[in-house]
Protein backbone atom coordinates (compact mmCIF):
# COMPACT_ATOMS: atom_id res chain seq x y z
CA MET A 1 83.93 102.59 133.81
CA GLY A 2 83.48 103.81 130.32
CA TYR A 3 82.04 101.21 128.09
CA ARG A 4 81.19 101.28 124.31
CA GLN A 5 78.46 99.74 122.05
CA VAL A 6 77.91 99.72 118.30
CA VAL A 7 74.67 101.57 117.11
CA PHE A 8 72.60 101.06 114.05
CA GLU A 9 72.03 104.41 112.49
CA GLY A 10 70.63 104.32 109.75
CA PRO A 11 70.94 101.90 105.85
CA ARG A 12 75.16 100.82 105.92
CA ARG A 13 76.00 103.26 109.15
CA VAL A 14 76.74 102.12 112.40
CA ALA A 15 78.98 103.84 115.32
CA VAL A 16 80.73 103.36 118.42
CA ARG A 17 78.62 104.95 120.97
CA PRO A 18 79.38 105.46 124.99
CA LEU A 19 77.53 103.17 127.57
CA LYS A 20 76.69 103.07 130.34
CA VAL A 21 76.04 99.78 132.53
CA ALA A 22 75.68 99.36 136.54
CA GLY A 23 76.53 96.94 138.54
CA ALA A 24 75.99 93.46 138.87
CA GLY A 25 72.90 93.56 141.01
CA PRO A 26 71.00 91.16 143.42
CA GLY A 27 71.03 87.45 141.20
CA GLU A 28 73.10 89.12 138.30
CA VAL A 29 76.09 89.23 137.25
CA LEU A 30 78.50 91.13 134.89
CA VAL A 31 80.39 90.18 131.97
CA ARG A 32 83.09 91.99 130.08
CA THR A 33 82.87 91.06 126.51
CA ARG A 34 86.09 90.25 125.11
CA LEU A 35 84.97 89.51 121.94
CA SER A 36 81.88 89.35 119.95
CA GLY A 37 81.14 87.80 116.37
CA ILE A 38 78.89 89.72 113.97
CA SER A 39 76.88 87.82 111.65
CA SER A 40 76.42 87.66 108.00
CA GLY A 41 72.92 87.10 108.02
CA THR A 42 70.30 88.97 110.30
CA GLU A 43 72.76 91.13 111.50
CA LEU A 44 73.84 92.00 107.70
CA LEU A 45 70.22 92.83 106.50
CA ALA A 46 70.09 95.03 109.44
CA TYR A 47 73.17 96.85 108.32
CA LEU A 48 71.59 97.33 104.76
CA GLY A 49 68.84 98.53 105.90
CA ARG A 50 67.04 95.47 104.03
CA LEU A 51 64.76 94.60 107.36
CA ASP A 52 61.15 95.62 107.72
CA ARG A 53 61.60 98.63 110.50
CA ASN A 54 58.29 97.89 112.34
CA LEU A 55 59.72 93.98 112.99
CA PRO A 56 60.20 92.89 116.22
CA LEU A 57 63.73 92.20 117.18
CA ASP A 58 64.15 88.52 118.03
CA GLU A 59 61.95 88.10 121.24
CA THR A 60 63.87 85.01 122.06
CA LEU A 61 66.67 87.25 122.91
CA PRO A 62 67.66 88.88 125.96
CA GLY A 63 66.77 92.57 125.85
CA GLY A 64 64.12 92.54 122.98
CA ASN A 65 61.49 94.05 125.18
CA GLY A 66 59.36 95.15 121.77
CA ALA A 67 62.06 96.66 120.63
CA THR A 68 61.86 96.84 116.24
CA PHE A 69 64.70 96.93 113.87
CA ARG A 70 63.75 101.26 113.95
CA TYR A 71 67.17 103.30 113.93
CA PRO A 72 68.48 103.88 115.75
CA PHE A 73 68.99 100.36 117.94
CA THR A 74 71.59 97.80 119.04
CA PHE A 75 71.63 94.50 117.76
CA GLY A 76 73.59 91.10 117.63
CA TYR A 77 73.52 87.30 119.35
CA SER A 78 77.38 86.45 119.92
CA ALA A 79 78.90 88.00 122.87
CA VAL A 80 82.09 86.20 124.57
CA GLY A 81 83.46 87.32 127.94
CA ASP A 82 84.52 87.21 131.32
CA VAL A 83 82.25 87.66 134.45
CA VAL A 84 83.79 90.27 136.42
CA ASP A 85 81.52 90.36 139.32
CA GLY A 86 78.34 88.98 141.10
CA GLU A 87 77.65 85.59 142.22
CA ALA A 88 80.89 85.44 143.42
CA ALA A 89 81.94 86.05 139.76
CA LEU A 90 80.31 82.49 138.83
CA ALA A 91 82.87 80.81 141.26
CA ASP A 92 85.63 82.60 138.88
CA SER A 93 84.35 81.36 135.84
CA SER A 94 87.08 82.08 132.56
CA GLN A 95 84.87 82.42 129.72
CA VAL A 96 81.65 82.39 128.81
CA PHE A 97 78.82 83.12 125.82
CA ALA A 98 75.62 84.99 125.84
CA PHE A 99 73.31 86.49 123.40
CA ARG A 100 73.84 90.26 123.41
CA PRO A 101 74.81 92.55 120.75
CA HIS A 102 78.38 94.48 120.54
CA VAL A 103 78.59 96.56 123.55
CA ASP A 104 81.94 95.92 126.40
CA ALA A 105 79.88 95.20 129.20
CA PHE A 106 76.40 93.91 130.32
CA THR A 107 74.32 92.62 133.29
CA ALA A 108 72.83 89.39 132.80
CA ASP A 109 70.82 86.55 135.02
CA PRO A 110 73.80 83.49 135.54
CA GLY A 111 71.29 81.35 133.09
CA GLU A 112 71.29 82.98 130.34
CA LEU A 113 75.04 82.61 130.86
CA LEU A 114 76.95 79.57 128.49
CA PRO A 115 80.39 78.30 130.08
CA VAL A 116 82.74 78.06 127.50
CA PRO A 117 86.42 77.67 129.20
CA ASP A 118 87.63 76.07 127.09
CA LEU A 119 87.21 76.59 123.30
CA ASP A 120 88.61 79.31 121.76
CA GLY A 121 86.86 82.91 122.02
CA THR A 122 87.06 83.60 117.66
CA ALA A 123 85.20 80.25 117.41
CA ALA A 124 83.24 80.82 120.66
CA THR A 125 81.98 83.33 118.73
CA LEU A 126 80.64 81.13 115.93
CA LEU A 127 78.27 78.99 118.45
CA PRO A 128 75.27 80.69 117.52
CA LEU A 129 75.41 80.33 113.73
CA VAL A 130 77.19 76.54 114.52
CA GLU A 131 73.06 75.83 116.37
CA THR A 132 71.79 77.85 113.29
CA ALA A 133 73.06 75.07 111.39
CA LEU A 134 72.14 72.42 113.39
CA GLN A 135 68.40 73.74 113.53
CA VAL A 136 68.93 73.32 109.48
CA THR A 137 69.76 69.66 109.23
CA LEU A 138 67.02 68.81 111.74
CA ASP A 139 64.24 70.62 109.61
CA ALA A 140 65.78 68.99 106.98
CA GLY A 141 65.65 65.59 108.54
CA LEU A 142 68.76 64.33 106.53
CA MET A 143 70.00 60.52 107.34
CA THR A 144 73.10 58.71 106.43
CA ASP A 145 73.63 57.82 102.45
CA GLN A 146 71.19 60.35 101.91
CA ARG A 147 71.86 63.05 98.80
CA VAL A 148 72.03 66.40 99.53
CA VAL A 149 72.60 69.74 97.73
CA ILE A 150 73.60 72.48 99.71
CA VAL A 151 73.68 76.39 98.01
CA GLY A 152 75.85 78.91 99.62
CA LEU A 153 78.70 78.70 101.14
CA GLY A 154 78.56 81.59 103.77
CA VAL A 155 79.31 80.23 107.31
CA VAL A 156 76.13 78.47 107.88
CA GLY A 157 75.93 76.70 104.53
CA LEU A 158 79.78 75.39 105.48
CA ILE A 159 78.99 74.52 108.94
CA THR A 160 75.56 72.93 107.67
CA SER A 161 77.50 70.92 104.53
CA MET A 162 79.83 70.03 107.53
CA LEU A 163 77.66 68.46 109.48
CA ALA A 164 75.50 67.33 106.98
CA GLY A 165 78.62 65.25 105.47
CA ARG A 166 78.92 63.96 109.55
CA LEU A 167 75.90 62.65 109.59
CA GLY A 168 76.54 60.50 106.45
CA CYS A 169 75.07 62.11 103.81
CA ASP A 170 76.53 62.79 100.05
CA VAL A 171 77.05 66.55 99.89
CA ARG A 172 77.19 68.95 96.85
CA ALA A 173 77.51 72.43 98.08
CA ILE A 174 77.02 74.93 95.20
CA GLU A 175 78.57 78.24 95.48
CA PRO A 176 80.03 80.84 93.05
CA ARG A 177 83.24 82.04 95.08
CA THR A 178 85.96 80.07 94.39
CA ASP A 179 87.63 80.88 97.72
CA ARG A 180 84.52 79.55 99.84
CA ARG A 181 85.14 76.71 97.61
CA GLY A 182 88.37 75.81 98.27
CA VAL A 183 87.55 76.58 101.90
CA ALA A 184 84.77 74.10 101.46
CA GLU A 185 87.10 71.78 99.48
CA SER A 186 90.26 72.16 102.08
CA LEU A 187 87.58 70.76 105.21
CA GLY A 188 86.25 67.64 102.83
CA VAL A 189 83.27 69.18 101.20
CA ARG A 190 82.39 68.71 97.22
CA THR A 191 81.27 71.65 95.94
CA LEU A 192 80.29 72.89 92.53
CA ALA A 193 80.39 76.32 90.62
CA PRO A 194 76.68 77.38 89.16
CA LEU A 195 77.21 77.14 85.95
CA GLU A 196 77.98 73.75 86.40
CA ALA A 197 75.49 72.44 89.13
CA PRO A 198 72.17 71.97 86.93
CA ARG A 199 74.48 68.83 84.79
CA ALA A 200 76.81 67.37 87.33
CA VAL A 201 73.52 67.18 89.50
CA SER A 202 72.25 65.33 87.05
CA SER A 203 74.89 63.07 86.61
CA TRP A 204 75.15 62.42 90.35
CA THR A 205 71.98 60.99 90.36
CA SER A 206 71.43 59.82 87.58
CA GLY A 207 69.12 62.30 86.16
CA GLU A 208 66.34 61.25 89.21
CA GLY A 209 67.25 64.78 91.14
CA VAL A 210 67.94 65.21 95.08
CA PRO A 211 65.53 64.37 97.68
CA THR A 212 66.14 67.60 99.95
CA ALA A 213 67.86 70.95 99.13
CA ILE A 214 68.73 73.66 101.24
CA GLU A 215 69.08 77.28 100.32
CA ALA A 216 71.35 78.83 102.40
CA SER A 217 72.65 81.35 100.46
CA GLY A 218 71.09 84.67 101.09
CA ALA A 219 70.44 84.93 97.43
CA PRO A 220 66.99 85.61 96.43
CA GLU A 221 66.89 84.42 92.62
CA ALA A 222 69.11 80.95 93.93
CA LEU A 223 65.81 79.37 95.38
CA ALA A 224 64.27 79.15 91.50
CA ALA A 225 67.87 77.89 90.33
CA ILE A 226 67.21 74.57 93.19
CA LEU A 227 63.83 73.56 92.52
CA PRO A 228 64.69 71.81 88.68
CA MET A 229 67.16 69.84 90.72
CA LEU A 230 64.54 68.32 93.19
CA ALA A 231 63.65 64.42 92.52
CA HIS A 232 60.03 64.09 92.23
CA GLU A 233 58.06 64.61 95.18
CA GLY A 234 61.49 67.08 96.50
CA SER A 235 61.74 69.56 99.06
CA VAL A 236 64.41 72.25 99.59
CA VAL A 237 64.44 74.10 103.09
CA VAL A 238 65.01 77.93 102.98
CA ALA A 239 67.87 78.70 105.82
CA SER A 240 67.62 81.81 104.26
CA TRP A 241 65.83 84.97 105.48
CA TYR A 242 65.63 87.73 102.29
CA GLY A 243 64.95 90.46 104.34
CA THR A 244 62.79 92.79 102.49
CA ARG A 245 64.16 91.40 99.25
CA THR A 246 61.40 89.90 96.77
CA VAL A 247 61.61 86.07 95.75
CA PRO A 248 60.86 85.15 92.32
CA LEU A 249 59.82 81.53 91.71
CA PRO A 250 58.96 79.61 89.22
CA LEU A 251 55.86 77.60 90.30
CA GLY A 252 55.06 75.95 86.69
CA ALA A 253 56.72 73.04 85.88
CA GLU A 254 58.80 71.54 88.20
CA PHE A 255 56.86 72.62 91.56
CA HIS A 256 53.46 71.64 90.23
CA ARG A 257 53.33 68.81 88.31
CA ARG A 258 56.53 67.13 90.36
CA ARG A 259 54.69 67.77 93.86
CA LEU A 260 57.66 69.47 95.47
CA SER A 261 58.07 71.28 98.30
CA ILE A 262 59.41 74.56 100.39
CA THR A 263 59.97 74.85 104.05
CA SER A 264 61.64 77.53 106.30
CA SER A 265 64.51 76.30 108.69
CA GLN A 266 64.35 79.47 111.71
CA VAL A 267 66.72 78.69 114.59
CA SER A 268 63.97 80.63 117.66
CA THR A 269 62.29 76.87 118.01
CA ILE A 270 61.94 73.94 117.88
CA PRO A 271 59.45 72.84 115.31
CA ARG A 272 56.59 71.41 116.71
CA ARG A 273 57.88 67.49 115.05
CA LEU A 274 60.86 67.60 117.00
CA GLN A 275 59.65 68.88 120.37
CA ASP A 276 59.64 65.40 121.96
CA THR A 277 63.02 64.57 121.51
CA TRP A 278 64.74 67.89 121.14
CA THR A 279 64.44 71.07 123.35
CA ILE A 280 66.67 74.33 122.84
CA GLU A 281 68.49 73.50 125.63
CA ARG A 282 69.69 70.25 124.59
CA ARG A 283 70.10 72.27 120.47
CA ARG A 284 72.17 74.39 122.85
CA LYS A 285 74.32 72.33 124.11
CA GLU A 286 75.18 70.09 120.76
CA ALA A 287 76.01 72.90 119.42
CA THR A 288 78.45 73.91 122.08
CA ASP A 289 79.82 69.88 121.56
CA LEU A 290 79.80 70.74 118.25
CA CYS A 291 82.13 73.92 118.53
CA HIS A 292 84.88 71.83 120.14
CA VAL A 293 85.03 69.22 117.11
CA LEU A 294 84.08 71.25 114.04
CA PRO A 295 87.54 72.66 112.28
CA LEU A 296 86.47 76.55 113.12
CA GLY A 297 89.77 77.56 113.32
CA GLN A 298 89.61 76.69 109.29
CA ILE A 299 87.26 79.19 108.70
CA PRO A 300 88.73 82.57 107.30
CA THR A 301 88.34 85.01 109.90
CA LEU A 302 89.14 88.54 110.49
CA VAL A 303 89.38 90.72 113.42
CA LEU A 304 89.73 94.16 114.21
CA PRO A 305 88.90 96.65 117.23
CA VAL A 306 85.52 97.83 118.14
CA ALA A 307 86.47 101.26 117.31
CA ARG A 308 86.53 100.13 113.71
CA ALA A 309 83.17 98.81 113.72
CA ALA A 310 81.98 100.47 110.65
CA GLU A 311 84.89 99.16 109.32
CA ALA A 312 84.07 95.99 109.83
CA PHE A 313 80.53 95.52 108.27
CA GLU A 314 81.04 97.22 105.51
CA ILE A 315 84.50 94.37 104.68
CA LEU A 316 81.64 91.90 105.37
CA ALA A 317 79.10 93.58 103.34
CA ALA A 318 80.94 93.86 100.43
CA GLY A 319 81.57 89.98 100.13
CA ARG A 320 84.56 90.37 97.89
CA GLU A 321 86.43 87.56 96.69
CA GLY A 322 89.55 85.97 99.27
CA GLY A 323 87.85 88.12 101.64
CA PRO A 324 86.94 86.63 105.11
CA MET A 325 83.94 84.59 105.83
CA HIS A 326 83.57 85.63 109.50
CA VAL A 327 84.24 88.90 111.27
CA VAL A 328 84.85 89.70 115.10
CA LEU A 329 84.65 92.72 116.74
CA ASP A 330 87.62 93.14 120.19
CA HIS A 331 86.62 95.15 122.76
CA ALA A 332 90.17 94.97 124.72
């Protein structure tokens, strides 16, 4: 049967190519992909050519196997589909999620599949981003009544803001795009435009600043703008991956004299300080549960046929006001 795959062939160049998939072998299942979500973080960096080409793909994902971001390569980690062969078709499971690239079909170990039978398929493509946002809140150590500034209202920033609100935090989210601020406000997140943020945060905290900020914008210049908003011994958690771009930081006045700290958040692992209580399996289950209760259907999403993958990536990269926040490929 003729299957297709999306191949990254160069900066701003993706193509849909033929793919051969063998049938399910012993201990395997064959999954027919219905939808696959495009990440506006790592995948967009890969599309734009902003990753070190010698950097290994995430080896915690199936198919890493020492491959790098050297063109051509396949990449992605948000496939939703149906088991169509093997292991008695997983007892006729109706829908599963897998951390797989944009391919029409793939064989897999049943243990890597997450059953999501009652979840809307488009919402299910957001599961990795919900898990990332959950890890960001864990890395930030957020607590009830804590004031927190979140910079960037892309999908990860928006979901992180919602999760922080569910934890009882007092949140202000900073975002330059009016459409994204409108979406966030409709979901109960209080927002600020960048130009008004310094004065508004100072007024909100009576000049003390916030103990915690989260940088999720992906913009290298955003990190420097956060430092003056932090309280003494405050910290900023960087959820963004800037790829090969340089991040300029003024490590003089605010950073040095007020003992500020900058830490990274990364979803591939569980930090050592949390390993007594958290595992990847527990985090993944919580993320799946959150997908059922968060208003993911209100995130502006565009679904395009996989044959239009090049257009899908370009729309996401353009980031135009009023454009989609999440883009999904339909493999039907």
